[in-house]
Amino acid sequence: MLPRTHQRSSHLKKLDRKAKRPAENFGYTFGIITVLVTGFGMCLSMQIIGSATKANFIFGVIIEIIGLIGMGG
């Protein structure tokens, strides 16, 4: 039989992992989304996606800035 302290520590480690899981999932999901938003803005501003208009360039820069703010936060 395992010592009582080992049972407590393994239970606390399991509880700690369970408590951290939602925050990690949110962090990864939010990070992936903001990287995709930033990439979309870069593609618009470099005219890889869409036509080569000034409005698309400005819109792409705005979207890129929003994505960068999301990555920094």
Protein backbone atom coordinates (compact mmCIF):
# COMPACT_ATOMS: atom_id res chain seq x y z
CA MET A 1 0.00 0.00 0.00
CA LEU A 2 1.23 3.49 -0.84
CA PRO A 3 2.01 5.96 1.90
CA ARG A 4 -0.76 8.42 2.67
CA THR A 5 1.32 11.46 1.62
CA HIS A 6 1.82 9.99 -1.87
CA GLN A 7 -1.94 9.60 -2.28
CA ARG A 8 -2.50 13.23 -1.32
CA SER A 9 0.20 14.54 -3.62
CA SER A 10 -1.04 12.53 -6.61
CA HIS A 11 -4.59 13.71 -5.92
CA LEU A 12 -3.41 17.33 -5.74
CA LYS A 13 -1.47 16.99 -9.01
CA LYS A 14 -4.54 15.58 -10.74
CA LEU A 15 -6.69 18.40 -9.35
CA ASP A 16 -4.11 20.97 -10.46
CA ARG A 17 -4.08 19.61 -14.03
CA LYS A 18 -7.88 19.65 -14.08
CA ALA A 19 -7.95 23.29 -12.95
CA LYS A 20 -5.37 24.45 -15.52
CA ARG A 21 -6.87 22.67 -18.55
CA PRO A 22 -9.58 25.25 -19.45
CA ALA A 23 -7.11 28.13 -19.32
CA GLU A 24 -4.62 26.27 -21.51
CA ASN A 25 -7.32 25.39 -24.03
CA PHE A 26 -8.47 29.00 -24.18
CA GLY A 27 -4.90 30.26 -24.56
CA TYR A 28 -4.09 27.94 -27.45
CA THR A 29 -7.40 28.59 -29.21
CA PHE A 30 -7.19 32.38 -28.83
CA GLY A 31 -3.56 32.37 -29.97
CA ILE A 32 -4.30 30.37 -33.10
CA ILE A 33 -7.24 32.61 -33.99
CA THR A 34 -5.24 35.83 -33.56
CA VAL A 35 -2.38 34.46 -35.69
CA LEU A 36 -4.86 33.60 -38.44
CA VAL A 37 -6.44 37.08 -38.22
CA THR A 38 -3.01 38.70 -38.45
CA GLY A 39 -2.08 36.55 -41.45
CA PHE A 40 -5.35 37.41 -43.18
CA GLY A 41 -4.67 41.12 -42.62
CA MET A 42 -1.15 40.76 -44.00
CA CYS A 43 -2.45 38.97 -47.09
CA LEU A 44 -4.97 41.75 -47.71
CA SER A 45 -2.43 44.52 -47.23
CA MET A 46 0.09 42.84 -49.57
CA GLN A 47 -2.65 42.25 -52.18
CA ILE A 48 -2.25 38.45 -52.10
CA ILE A 49 -6.00 38.20 -51.41
CA GLY A 50 -8.39 40.60 -53.12
CA SER A 51 -7.85 43.33 -55.63
CA ALA A 52 -5.10 45.91 -55.45
CA THR A 53 -7.12 48.82 -54.12
CA LYS A 54 -6.26 51.34 -51.48
CA ALA A 55 -9.35 50.34 -49.48
CA ASN A 56 -8.19 46.71 -49.31
CA PHE A 57 -4.75 47.85 -48.18
CA ILE A 58 -6.16 50.00 -45.38
CA PHE A 59 -8.65 47.30 -44.37
CA GLY A 60 -5.82 44.73 -44.29
CA VAL A 61 -3.65 46.94 -42.09
CA ILE A 62 -6.55 47.48 -39.68
CA ILE A 63 -7.25 43.74 -39.45
CA GLU A 64 -3.54 43.05 -38.98
CA ILE A 65 -3.34 45.56 -36.11
CA ILE A 66 -6.37 43.94 -34.46
CA GLY A 67 -4.65 40.56 -34.71
CA LEU A 68 -1.41 41.92 -33.27
CA ILE A 69 -3.28 43.49 -30.36
CA GLY A 70 -4.88 40.10 -29.71
CA MET A 71 -1.48 38.42 -29.70
CA GLY A 72 -0.09 40.97 -27.27
CA GLY A 73 -2.97 40.68 -24.80
